[in-house]
Amino acid sequence: RCGLFKDEAADYIKRMKEIPENKKVVLIVPDQYSYMAEKKMSEVFLGTGLNQKYVYTFSQMKRTFLNLNEKLYLKQSGKNMLIRYVADRAIDEDSIFYSSKQSSGFLENLNSLISELKRYCITKDLLIENAEKSNNKILKNKLITIASVLGEFDSLLEERLFLDADDDFTRLAEVILDNGYFKDSYVWVDKF
């Protein structure tokens, strides 16, 4: 459950009221609590937005800061086809995965792995760097193959002007850092 609407509500609001009025205050909450958070903020600060007090969810931030119309999102079926294509190109005979690259179970696991790697901001270069440090030949082979698949997948997405939803938070972080929207702001992130 979200922490804002339990005991910490008074503490958050108390801290926010101590901030000078001309400073921006941003509260980031889970999607399901945005209405309650905006209501609470509006009661205390007599509104949100115009008085430099904002409530965001990650979904709202994606819509606000990312130009989501610039490219098309790849649907799950399209992602599956692209992963099959990438696996055929990137996994060669020297790879430990060569014999299983056509099985649907392997491709599903590869799809999940790619999503997880992106979620934790693990890049092709990071995988290769760690592969080079490894003394274990099997681990090294696996990391290099996965790096190859990830790199090929990302370059095909970019080449075809598609977006993968797994990249949204990484893109959002880059845009927020670049545009300076939160510069000199007080930001609270509620428990997720």
N, C-alpha and C. Protein backbone atom coordinates (compact mmCIF):
# COMPACT_ATOMS: atom_id res chain seq x y z
N ARG A 1 0.82 -1.19 0.00
CA ARG A 1 0.00 0.00 0.00
C ARG A 1 0.86 1.25 0.00
N CYS A 2 0.30 2.27 -0.51
CA CYS A 2 0.97 3.56 -0.61
C CYS A 2 1.16 4.16 0.78
N GLY A 3 2.31 4.75 1.05
CA GLY A 3 2.59 5.29 2.36
C GLY A 3 2.01 6.67 2.61
N LEU A 4 1.71 7.43 1.55
CA LEU A 4 1.31 8.82 1.72
C LEU A 4 0.04 8.97 2.53
N PHE A 5 -0.90 8.10 2.39
CA PHE A 5 -2.21 8.30 2.99
C PHE A 5 -2.35 7.56 4.30
N LYS A 6 -1.24 7.19 4.88
CA LYS A 6 -1.25 6.62 6.22
C LYS A 6 -0.66 7.67 7.16
N ASP A 7 0.22 7.27 8.01
CA ASP A 7 0.77 8.16 9.03
C ASP A 7 1.69 9.25 8.48
N GLU A 8 2.29 9.02 7.33
CA GLU A 8 3.27 9.97 6.81
C GLU A 8 2.64 11.20 6.16
N ALA A 9 1.33 11.19 5.94
CA ALA A 9 0.67 12.30 5.25
C ALA A 9 0.93 13.63 5.95
N ALA A 10 0.75 13.65 7.24
CA ALA A 10 0.95 14.89 7.99
C ALA A 10 2.40 15.35 7.90
N ASP A 11 3.33 14.41 7.93
CA ASP A 11 4.75 14.75 7.85
C ASP A 11 5.09 15.35 6.49
N TYR A 12 4.61 14.72 5.41
CA TYR A 12 4.86 15.26 4.05
C TYR A 12 4.33 16.69 3.94
N ILE A 13 3.09 16.86 4.32
CA ILE A 13 2.45 18.17 4.18
C ILE A 13 3.15 19.20 5.06
N LYS A 14 3.51 18.80 6.26
CA LYS A 14 4.21 19.71 7.16
C LYS A 14 5.52 20.18 6.54
N ARG A 15 6.26 19.25 5.97
CA ARG A 15 7.54 19.61 5.34
C ARG A 15 7.32 20.50 4.12
N MET A 16 6.29 20.19 3.35
CA MET A 16 6.02 20.99 2.15
C MET A 16 5.62 22.42 2.51
N LYS A 17 4.91 22.59 3.60
CA LYS A 17 4.49 23.94 4.02
C LYS A 17 5.66 24.79 4.47
N GLU A 18 6.76 24.15 4.88
CA GLU A 18 7.95 24.88 5.33
C GLU A 18 8.78 25.42 4.16
N ILE A 19 8.52 24.94 2.98
CA ILE A 19 9.29 25.35 1.79
C ILE A 19 8.79 26.72 1.34
N PRO A 20 9.70 27.62 0.95
CA PRO A 20 9.27 28.95 0.47
C PRO A 20 8.26 28.81 -0.68
N GLU A 21 7.30 29.72 -0.71
CA GLU A 21 6.20 29.63 -1.68
C GLU A 21 6.67 29.71 -3.13
N ASN A 22 7.77 30.37 -3.39
CA ASN A 22 8.23 30.51 -4.77
C ASN A 22 9.00 29.29 -5.28
N LYS A 23 9.18 28.29 -4.43
CA LYS A 23 9.89 27.07 -4.84
C LYS A 23 8.91 26.02 -5.34
N LYS A 24 9.36 25.28 -6.32
CA LYS A 24 8.54 24.22 -6.89
C LYS A 24 8.58 22.99 -5.98
N VAL A 25 7.42 22.41 -5.74
CA VAL A 25 7.28 21.20 -4.95
C VAL A 25 6.60 20.16 -5.81
N VAL A 26 7.21 18.98 -5.92
CA VAL A 26 6.67 17.91 -6.75
C VAL A 26 6.52 16.66 -5.88
N LEU A 27 5.36 16.08 -5.95
CA LEU A 27 5.08 14.83 -5.25
C LEU A 27 4.79 13.77 -6.30
N ILE A 28 5.57 12.69 -6.29
CA ILE A 28 5.38 11.59 -7.25
C ILE A 28 4.76 10.42 -6.51
N VAL A 29 3.60 9.98 -7.00
CA VAL A 29 2.83 8.92 -6.34
C VAL A 29 2.49 7.82 -7.33
N PRO A 30 2.10 6.64 -6.83
CA PRO A 30 1.62 5.59 -7.73
C PRO A 30 0.34 6.04 -8.44
N ASP A 31 0.10 5.50 -9.63
CA ASP A 31 -1.06 5.90 -10.43
C ASP A 31 -2.37 5.86 -9.66
N GLN A 32 -2.58 4.81 -8.88
CA GLN A 32 -3.86 4.63 -8.22
C GLN A 32 -4.12 5.65 -7.11
N TYR A 33 -3.10 6.42 -6.71
CA TYR A 33 -3.28 7.38 -5.63
C TYR A 33 -3.17 8.83 -6.10
N SER A 34 -3.17 9.06 -7.40
CA SER A 34 -3.00 10.43 -7.88
C SER A 34 -4.16 11.32 -7.47
N TYR A 35 -5.38 10.81 -7.56
CA TYR A 35 -6.54 11.62 -7.19
C TYR A 35 -6.47 12.02 -5.72
N MET A 36 -6.20 11.05 -4.85
CA MET A 36 -6.13 11.33 -3.42
C MET A 36 -5.01 12.32 -3.10
N ALA A 37 -3.89 12.17 -3.76
CA ALA A 37 -2.76 13.07 -3.51
C ALA A 37 -3.08 14.48 -3.98
N GLU A 38 -3.68 14.62 -5.16
CA GLU A 38 -4.04 15.95 -5.65
C GLU A 38 -5.08 16.59 -4.74
N LYS A 39 -6.02 15.81 -4.27
CA LYS A 39 -7.05 16.33 -3.37
C LYS A 39 -6.41 16.85 -2.08
N LYS A 40 -5.51 16.06 -1.51
CA LYS A 40 -4.83 16.45 -0.27
C LYS A 40 -3.98 17.71 -0.48
N MET A 41 -3.24 17.75 -1.57
CA MET A 41 -2.40 18.92 -1.88
C MET A 41 -3.27 20.15 -2.12
N SER A 42 -4.39 19.98 -2.80
CA SER A 42 -5.29 21.10 -3.07
C SER A 42 -5.89 21.66 -1.79
N GLU A 43 -6.22 20.78 -0.86
CA GLU A 43 -6.77 21.23 0.42
C GLU A 43 -5.75 22.06 1.19
N VAL A 44 -4.51 21.63 1.19
CA VAL A 44 -3.48 22.30 1.99
C VAL A 44 -2.96 23.56 1.30
N PHE A 45 -2.76 23.49 -0.01
CA PHE A 45 -2.14 24.60 -0.73
C PHE A 45 -3.12 25.37 -1.61
N LEU A 46 -4.40 25.11 -1.46
CA LEU A 46 -5.44 25.79 -2.24
C LEU A 46 -5.23 25.63 -3.74
N GLY A 47 -4.94 24.41 -4.16
CA GLY A 47 -4.77 24.10 -5.59
C GLY A 47 -3.42 23.50 -5.87
N THR A 48 -3.26 23.08 -7.10
CA THR A 48 -1.96 22.57 -7.56
C THR A 48 -1.68 23.17 -8.93
N GLY A 49 -0.42 23.21 -9.31
CA GLY A 49 -0.04 23.69 -10.64
C GLY A 49 0.34 25.15 -10.65
N LEU A 50 -0.62 26.04 -10.51
CA LEU A 50 -0.34 27.47 -10.59
C LEU A 50 0.48 27.98 -9.42
N ASN A 51 0.41 27.30 -8.30
CA ASN A 51 1.15 27.74 -7.12
C ASN A 51 2.47 26.98 -6.93
N GLN A 52 2.98 26.39 -7.99
CA GLN A 52 4.25 25.65 -7.99
C GLN A 52 4.19 24.36 -7.17
N LYS A 53 3.01 23.82 -6.95
CA LYS A 53 2.83 22.54 -6.25
C LYS A 53 2.24 21.56 -7.25
N TYR A 54 2.94 20.43 -7.46
CA TYR A 54 2.54 19.48 -8.50
C TYR A 54 2.47 18.07 -7.94
N VAL A 55 1.53 17.31 -8.47
CA VAL A 55 1.43 15.88 -8.17
C VAL A 55 1.56 15.16 -9.50
N TYR A 56 2.50 14.23 -9.57
CA TYR A 56 2.72 13.44 -10.78
C TYR A 56 2.69 11.96 -10.46
N THR A 57 2.31 11.19 -11.47
CA THR A 57 2.55 9.75 -11.47
C THR A 57 3.57 9.51 -12.56
N PHE A 58 4.15 8.33 -12.60
CA PHE A 58 5.11 8.06 -13.67
C PHE A 58 4.41 8.06 -15.02
N SER A 59 3.17 7.61 -15.08
CA SER A 59 2.43 7.65 -16.35
C SER A 59 2.24 9.08 -16.83
N GLN A 60 1.87 9.98 -15.92
CA GLN A 60 1.71 11.38 -16.28
C GLN A 60 3.03 11.99 -16.72
N MET A 61 4.10 11.63 -16.03
CA MET A 61 5.41 12.16 -16.40
C MET A 61 5.81 11.69 -17.79
N LYS A 62 5.52 10.44 -18.11
CA LYS A 62 5.83 9.95 -19.46
C LYS A 62 5.07 10.76 -20.50
N ARG A 63 3.77 10.99 -20.26
CA ARG A 63 2.97 11.75 -21.22
C ARG A 63 3.43 13.20 -21.31
N THR A 64 3.83 13.77 -20.18
CA THR A 64 4.22 15.17 -20.14
C THR A 64 5.59 15.42 -20.76
N PHE A 65 6.56 14.57 -20.44
CA PHE A 65 7.95 14.86 -20.82
C PHE A 65 8.44 14.12 -22.06
N LEU A 66 7.79 13.03 -22.42
CA LEU A 66 8.25 12.28 -23.59
C LEU A 66 7.33 12.58 -24.77
N ASN A 67 7.91 12.80 -25.91
CA ASN A 67 7.11 12.98 -27.12
C ASN A 67 6.78 11.59 -27.65
N LEU A 68 5.70 11.02 -27.14
CA LEU A 68 5.37 9.64 -27.47
C LEU A 68 4.80 9.48 -28.87
N ASN A 69 4.52 10.58 -29.55
CA ASN A 69 3.98 10.49 -30.90
C ASN A 69 5.07 10.41 -31.97
N GLU A 70 6.32 10.60 -31.54
CA GLU A 70 7.41 10.63 -32.52
C GLU A 70 7.67 9.28 -33.16
N LYS A 71 7.36 8.20 -32.46
CA LYS A 71 7.60 6.85 -32.96
C LYS A 71 6.44 5.96 -32.55
N LEU A 72 6.40 4.79 -33.09
CA LEU A 72 5.36 3.83 -32.75
C LEU A 72 5.89 2.82 -31.74
N TYR A 73 5.03 2.47 -30.80
CA TYR A 73 5.42 1.45 -29.84
C TYR A 73 5.31 0.07 -30.47
N LEU A 74 6.27 -0.75 -30.16
CA LEU A 74 6.29 -2.12 -30.63
C LEU A 74 5.37 -2.94 -29.73
N LYS A 75 4.39 -3.60 -30.32
CA LYS A 75 3.49 -4.45 -29.54
C LYS A 75 4.21 -5.75 -29.20
N GLN A 76 3.63 -6.53 -28.29
CA GLN A 76 4.28 -7.75 -27.83
C GLN A 76 4.52 -8.72 -28.99
N SER A 77 3.56 -8.86 -29.89
CA SER A 77 3.75 -9.78 -31.02
C SER A 77 4.89 -9.31 -31.92
N GLY A 78 4.98 -8.01 -32.14
CA GLY A 78 6.07 -7.46 -32.94
C GLY A 78 7.41 -7.63 -32.25
N LYS A 79 7.41 -7.47 -30.94
CA LYS A 79 8.65 -7.66 -30.17
C LYS A 79 9.10 -9.12 -30.26
N ASN A 80 8.15 -10.04 -30.16
CA ASN A 80 8.48 -11.47 -30.28
C ASN A 80 9.10 -11.78 -31.64
N MET A 81 8.51 -11.22 -32.70
CA MET A 81 9.06 -11.46 -34.05
C MET A 81 10.45 -10.86 -34.19
N LEU A 82 10.62 -9.67 -33.64
CA LEU A 82 11.93 -9.01 -33.72
C LEU A 82 12.98 -9.80 -32.94
N ILE A 83 12.60 -10.33 -31.79
CA ILE A 83 13.55 -11.12 -31.00
C ILE A 83 13.93 -12.41 -31.73
N ARG A 84 12.97 -13.04 -32.40
CA ARG A 84 13.28 -14.23 -33.19
C ARG A 84 14.26 -13.88 -34.31
N TYR A 85 14.02 -12.76 -34.98
CA TYR A 85 14.89 -12.31 -36.06
C TYR A 85 16.29 -12.01 -35.52
N VAL A 86 16.35 -11.30 -34.40
CA VAL A 86 17.64 -10.94 -33.79
C VAL A 86 18.39 -12.19 -33.35
N ALA A 87 17.67 -13.14 -32.75
CA ALA A 87 18.31 -14.38 -32.29
C ALA A 87 18.93 -15.12 -33.47
N ASP A 88 18.23 -15.16 -34.59
CA ASP A 88 18.78 -15.82 -35.78
C ASP A 88 20.06 -15.15 -36.25
N ARG A 89 20.10 -13.83 -36.19
CA ARG A 89 21.27 -13.08 -36.67
C ARG A 89 22.42 -13.06 -35.66
N ALA A 90 22.09 -12.92 -34.38
CA ALA A 90 23.13 -12.66 -33.38
C ALA A 90 23.71 -13.91 -32.74
N ILE A 91 22.97 -15.00 -32.74
CA ILE A 91 23.46 -16.22 -32.08
C ILE A 91 24.07 -17.12 -33.14
N ASP A 92 25.39 -17.21 -33.14
CA ASP A 92 26.09 -18.02 -34.14
C ASP A 92 26.43 -19.40 -33.60
N GLU A 93 27.09 -20.20 -34.44
CA GLU A 93 27.39 -21.59 -34.08
C GLU A 93 28.30 -21.72 -32.87
N ASP A 94 29.08 -20.71 -32.57
CA ASP A 94 29.99 -20.75 -31.42
C ASP A 94 29.29 -20.48 -30.10
N SER A 95 28.07 -20.01 -30.18
CA SER A 95 27.34 -19.65 -28.96
C SER A 95 26.79 -20.89 -28.26
N ILE A 96 26.77 -20.80 -26.96
CA ILE A 96 26.22 -21.88 -26.14
C ILE A 96 24.71 -22.00 -26.35
N PHE A 97 24.07 -20.95 -26.85
CA PHE A 97 22.63 -20.93 -27.06
C PHE A 97 22.22 -21.40 -28.46
N TYR A 98 23.18 -21.75 -29.31
CA TYR A 98 22.88 -22.05 -30.71
C TYR A 98 21.82 -23.15 -30.87
N SER A 99 21.93 -24.21 -30.12
CA SER A 99 21.02 -25.34 -30.31
C SER A 99 19.60 -25.03 -29.84
N SER A 100 19.43 -24.05 -28.97
CA SER A 100 18.09 -23.77 -28.46
C SER A 100 17.48 -22.48 -28.99
N LYS A 101 18.15 -21.82 -29.92
CA LYS A 101 17.69 -20.50 -30.34
C LYS A 101 16.35 -20.51 -31.07
N GLN A 102 15.92 -21.64 -31.59
CA GLN A 102 14.65 -21.70 -32.30
C GLN A 102 13.48 -22.12 -31.41
N SER A 103 13.75 -22.58 -30.22
CA SER A 103 12.64 -23.05 -29.37
C SER A 103 11.88 -21.85 -28.80
N SER A 104 10.56 -21.99 -28.72
CA SER A 104 9.73 -20.88 -28.26
C SER A 104 10.02 -20.56 -26.79
N GLY A 105 10.30 -21.55 -25.98
CA GLY A 105 10.62 -21.31 -24.58
C GLY A 105 11.86 -20.46 -24.42
N PHE A 106 12.87 -20.74 -25.24
CA PHE A 106 14.10 -19.95 -25.19
C PHE A 106 13.82 -18.51 -25.60
N LEU A 107 13.03 -18.32 -26.65
CA LEU A 107 12.74 -16.97 -27.12
C LEU A 107 11.91 -16.19 -26.10
N GLU A 108 11.01 -16.87 -25.41
CA GLU A 108 10.24 -16.21 -24.35
C GLU A 108 11.17 -15.78 -23.21
N ASN A 109 12.10 -16.65 -22.85
CA ASN A 109 13.06 -16.30 -21.80
C ASN A 109 13.96 -15.16 -22.24
N LEU A 110 14.35 -15.17 -23.50
CA LEU A 110 15.19 -14.10 -24.03
C LEU A 110 14.43 -12.77 -24.01
N ASN A 111 13.16 -12.82 -24.36
CA ASN A 111 12.31 -11.63 -24.32
C ASN A 111 12.24 -11.08 -22.89
N SER A 112 12.00 -11.95 -21.93
CA SER A 112 11.95 -11.53 -20.52
C SER A 112 13.29 -10.98 -20.06
N LEU A 113 14.36 -11.62 -20.49
CA LEU A 113 15.70 -11.17 -20.11
C LEU A 113 15.98 -9.78 -20.65
N ILE A 114 15.63 -9.54 -21.90
CA ILE A 114 15.85 -8.22 -22.49
C ILE A 114 15.07 -7.16 -21.72
N SER A 115 13.83 -7.46 -21.37
CA SER A 115 13.02 -6.51 -20.59
C SER A 115 13.66 -6.24 -19.24
N GLU A 116 14.14 -7.27 -18.59
CA GLU A 116 14.76 -7.10 -17.28
C GLU A 116 16.06 -6.32 -17.37
N LEU A 117 16.86 -6.60 -18.37
CA LEU A 117 18.11 -5.86 -18.55
C LEU A 117 17.83 -4.37 -18.74
N LYS A 118 16.82 -4.07 -19.54
CA LYS A 118 16.48 -2.66 -19.77
C LYS A 118 15.95 -2.01 -18.51
N ARG A 119 15.17 -2.74 -17.74
CA ARG A 119 14.61 -2.21 -16.50
C ARG A 119 15.73 -1.81 -15.54
N TYR A 120 16.83 -2.54 -15.54
CA TYR A 120 17.93 -2.26 -14.63
C TYR A 120 19.07 -1.50 -15.31
N CYS A 121 18.79 -0.95 -16.50
CA CYS A 121 19.75 -0.11 -17.23
C CYS A 121 21.06 -0.84 -17.51
N ILE A 122 20.97 -2.11 -17.83
CA ILE A 122 22.15 -2.88 -18.20
C ILE A 122 22.28 -2.84 -19.71
N THR A 123 23.39 -2.33 -20.18
CA THR A 123 23.60 -2.13 -21.61
C THR A 123 24.49 -3.22 -22.20
N LYS A 124 24.55 -3.21 -23.50
CA LYS A 124 25.43 -4.13 -24.23
C LYS A 124 26.87 -3.95 -23.77
N ASP A 125 27.30 -2.71 -23.66
CA ASP A 125 28.68 -2.43 -23.26
C ASP A 125 29.00 -2.94 -21.86
N LEU A 126 28.05 -2.81 -20.97
CA LEU A 126 28.24 -3.30 -19.60
C LEU A 126 28.36 -4.83 -19.58
N LEU A 127 27.57 -5.49 -20.39
CA LEU A 127 27.65 -6.96 -20.47
C LEU A 127 29.01 -7.39 -21.03
N ILE A 128 29.45 -6.72 -22.07
CA ILE A 128 30.74 -7.06 -22.69
C ILE A 128 31.89 -6.80 -21.71
N GLU A 129 31.80 -5.68 -21.01
CA GLU A 129 32.84 -5.35 -20.02
C GLU A 129 32.95 -6.43 -18.95
N ASN A 130 31.81 -6.91 -18.48
CA ASN A 130 31.82 -7.96 -17.45
C ASN A 130 32.22 -9.31 -18.02
N ALA A 131 31.90 -9.55 -19.28
CA ALA A 131 32.33 -10.80 -19.93
C ALA A 131 33.85 -10.85 -20.01
N GLU A 132 34.46 -9.72 -20.34
CA GLU A 132 35.92 -9.67 -20.45
C GLU A 132 36.60 -9.89 -19.11
N LYS A 133 35.95 -9.55 -18.02
CA LYS A 133 36.51 -9.74 -16.69
C LYS A 133 36.39 -11.18 -16.21
N SER A 134 35.50 -11.94 -16.82
CA SER A 134 35.21 -13.29 -16.34
C SER A 134 36.27 -14.29 -16.79
N ASN A 135 36.61 -15.21 -15.90
CA ASN A 135 37.52 -16.30 -16.23
C ASN A 135 36.77 -17.56 -16.63
N ASN A 136 35.46 -17.56 -16.42
CA ASN A 136 34.61 -18.69 -16.74
C ASN A 136 34.21 -18.61 -18.22
N LYS A 137 34.64 -19.59 -19.02
CA LYS A 137 34.39 -19.55 -20.47
C LYS A 137 32.90 -19.60 -20.80
N ILE A 138 32.14 -20.40 -20.07
CA ILE A 138 30.71 -20.52 -20.35
C ILE A 138 29.99 -19.21 -20.04
N LEU A 139 30.30 -18.62 -18.89
CA LEU A 139 29.68 -17.34 -18.54
C LEU A 139 30.06 -16.27 -19.54
N LYS A 140 31.32 -16.26 -19.93
CA LYS A 140 31.81 -15.29 -20.91
C LYS A 140 31.03 -15.42 -22.22
N ASN A 141 30.87 -16.66 -22.70
CA ASN A 141 30.13 -16.93 -23.93
C ASN A 141 28.69 -16.44 -23.82
N LYS A 142 28.05 -16.74 -22.69
CA LYS A 142 26.67 -16.33 -22.50
C LYS A 142 26.54 -14.80 -22.49
N LEU A 143 27.40 -14.12 -21.75
CA LEU A 143 27.33 -12.67 -21.66
C LEU A 143 27.57 -12.00 -23.01
N ILE A 144 28.53 -12.51 -23.76
CA ILE A 144 28.82 -11.93 -25.07
C ILE A 144 27.65 -12.15 -26.02
N THR A 145 27.04 -13.33 -25.98
CA THR A 145 25.89 -13.61 -26.83
C THR A 145 24.71 -12.73 -26.46
N ILE A 146 24.44 -12.60 -25.18
CA ILE A 146 23.33 -11.76 -24.73
C ILE A 146 23.59 -10.30 -25.09
N ALA A 147 24.82 -9.86 -24.97
CA ALA A 147 25.18 -8.49 -25.36
C ALA A 147 24.94 -8.28 -26.85
N SER A 148 25.29 -9.27 -27.63
CA SER A 148 25.08 -9.19 -29.08
C SER A 148 23.59 -9.10 -29.41
N VAL A 149 22.79 -9.92 -28.75
CA VAL A 149 21.34 -9.90 -28.98
C VAL A 149 20.77 -8.54 -28.56
N LEU A 150 21.14 -8.06 -27.39
CA LEU A 150 20.63 -6.79 -26.89
C LEU A 150 21.03 -5.64 -27.81
N GLY A 151 22.27 -5.63 -28.23
CA GLY A 151 22.75 -4.57 -29.13
C GLY A 151 22.03 -4.59 -30.47
N GLU A 152 21.86 -5.78 -31.03
CA GLU A 152 21.15 -5.92 -32.31
C GLU A 152 19.69 -5.50 -32.16
N PHE A 153 19.06 -5.89 -31.07
CA PHE A 153 17.66 -5.54 -30.81
C PHE A 153 17.50 -4.01 -30.73
N ASP A 154 18.36 -3.36 -29.95
CA ASP A 154 18.28 -1.91 -29.79
C ASP A 154 18.55 -1.17 -31.10
N SER A 155 19.52 -1.64 -31.86
CA SER A 155 19.81 -0.94 -33.12
C SER A 155 18.69 -1.14 -34.14
N LEU A 156 18.06 -2.29 -34.15
CA LEU A 156 16.91 -2.48 -35.05
C LEU A 156 15.73 -1.61 -34.63
N LEU A 157 15.50 -1.46 -33.34
CA LEU A 157 14.43 -0.56 -32.88
C LEU A 157 14.69 0.86 -33.35
N GLU A 158 15.91 1.29 -33.16
CA GLU A 158 16.26 2.65 -33.56
C GLU A 158 16.17 2.83 -35.08
N GLU A 159 16.66 1.86 -35.79
CA GLU A 159 16.65 1.91 -37.25
C GLU A 159 15.23 1.96 -37.80
N ARG A 160 14.33 1.21 -37.19
CA ARG A 160 12.95 1.12 -37.66
C ARG A 160 12.04 2.18 -37.03
N LEU A 161 12.62 3.04 -36.18
CA LEU A 161 11.88 4.09 -35.50
C LEU A 161 10.75 3.56 -34.63
N PHE A 162 11.00 2.46 -33.93
CA PHE A 162 10.04 1.91 -32.98
C PHE A 162 10.51 2.20 -31.57
N LEU A 163 9.55 2.19 -30.65
CA LEU A 163 9.86 2.32 -29.23
C LEU A 163 9.51 1.02 -28.52
N ASP A 164 10.29 0.71 -27.52
CA ASP A 164 9.99 -0.42 -26.65
C ASP A 164 9.59 0.18 -25.30
N ALA A 165 8.44 -0.22 -24.78
CA ALA A 165 7.96 0.34 -23.52
C ALA A 165 8.96 0.14 -22.39
N ASP A 166 9.81 -0.88 -22.50
CA ASP A 166 10.82 -1.12 -21.47
C ASP A 166 11.87 -0.01 -21.40
N ASP A 167 11.94 0.83 -22.43
CA ASP A 167 12.90 1.93 -22.45
C ASP A 167 12.32 3.24 -21.91
N ASP A 168 11.04 3.27 -21.61
CA ASP A 168 10.39 4.53 -21.23
C ASP A 168 11.01 5.19 -20.02
N PHE A 169 11.27 4.44 -18.97
CA PHE A 169 11.80 5.06 -17.76
C PHE A 169 13.23 5.56 -17.96
N THR A 170 14.00 4.86 -18.76
CA THR A 170 15.35 5.32 -19.07
C THR A 170 15.28 6.62 -19.86
N ARG A 171 14.40 6.65 -20.87
CA ARG A 171 14.23 7.87 -21.67
C ARG A 171 13.71 9.01 -20.80
N LEU A 172 12.77 8.69 -19.90
CA LEU A 172 12.21 9.71 -19.02
C LEU A 172 13.30 10.32 -18.14
N ALA A 173 14.16 9.48 -17.59
CA ALA A 173 15.25 9.97 -16.74
C ALA A 173 16.17 10.90 -17.55
N GLU A 174 16.50 10.52 -18.77
CA GLU A 174 17.37 11.34 -19.61
C GLU A 174 16.73 12.69 -19.92
N VAL A 175 15.44 12.67 -20.27
CA VAL A 175 14.74 13.91 -20.61
C VAL A 175 14.65 14.83 -19.39
N ILE A 176 14.34 14.27 -18.24
CA ILE A 176 14.23 15.09 -17.03
C ILE A 176 15.57 15.72 -16.68
N LEU A 177 16.65 14.95 -16.81
CA LEU A 177 17.98 15.51 -16.52
C LEU A 177 18.34 16.60 -17.52
N ASP A 178 17.98 16.39 -18.79
CA ASP A 178 18.34 17.35 -19.83
C ASP A 178 17.52 18.64 -19.78
N ASN A 179 16.22 18.53 -19.47
CA ASN A 179 15.39 19.74 -19.56
C ASN A 179 15.39 20.59 -18.30
N GLY A 180 15.91 20.07 -17.20
CA GLY A 180 16.03 20.86 -15.98
C GLY A 180 14.72 21.20 -15.30
N TYR A 181 13.66 20.48 -15.60
CA TYR A 181 12.35 20.77 -15.01
C TYR A 181 12.38 20.69 -13.48
N PHE A 182 13.12 19.73 -12.95
CA PHE A 182 13.16 19.55 -11.51
C PHE A 182 14.31 20.29 -10.83
N LYS A 183 15.03 21.08 -11.60
CA LYS A 183 16.15 21.82 -11.02
C LYS A 183 15.62 22.81 -9.98
N ASP A 184 16.29 22.87 -8.85
CA ASP A 184 15.91 23.74 -7.74
C ASP A 184 14.50 23.46 -7.22
N SER A 185 14.05 22.23 -7.35
CA SER A 185 12.73 21.83 -6.86
C SER A 185 12.89 20.89 -5.67
N TYR A 186 11.85 20.82 -4.89
CA TYR A 186 11.76 19.85 -3.81
C TYR A 186 10.88 18.72 -4.32
N VAL A 187 11.43 17.51 -4.32
CA VAL A 187 10.72 16.37 -4.90
C VAL A 187 10.55 15.30 -3.84
N TRP A 188 9.33 14.83 -3.67
CA TRP A 188 9.03 13.71 -2.80
C TRP A 188 8.54 12.56 -3.67
N VAL A 189 9.05 11.38 -3.40
CA VAL A 189 8.59 10.19 -4.09
C VAL A 189 7.94 9.31 -3.02
N ASP A 190 6.65 9.06 -3.20
CA ASP A 190 5.92 8.27 -2.23
C ASP A 190 6.32 6.81 -2.37
N LYS A 191 6.06 6.04 -1.33
CA LYS A 191 6.40 4.60 -1.34
C LYS A 191 5.64 3.89 -2.45
N PHE A 192 6.36 3.05 -3.16
CA PHE A 192 5.73 2.26 -4.22
C PHE A 192 5.75 0.81 -3.82
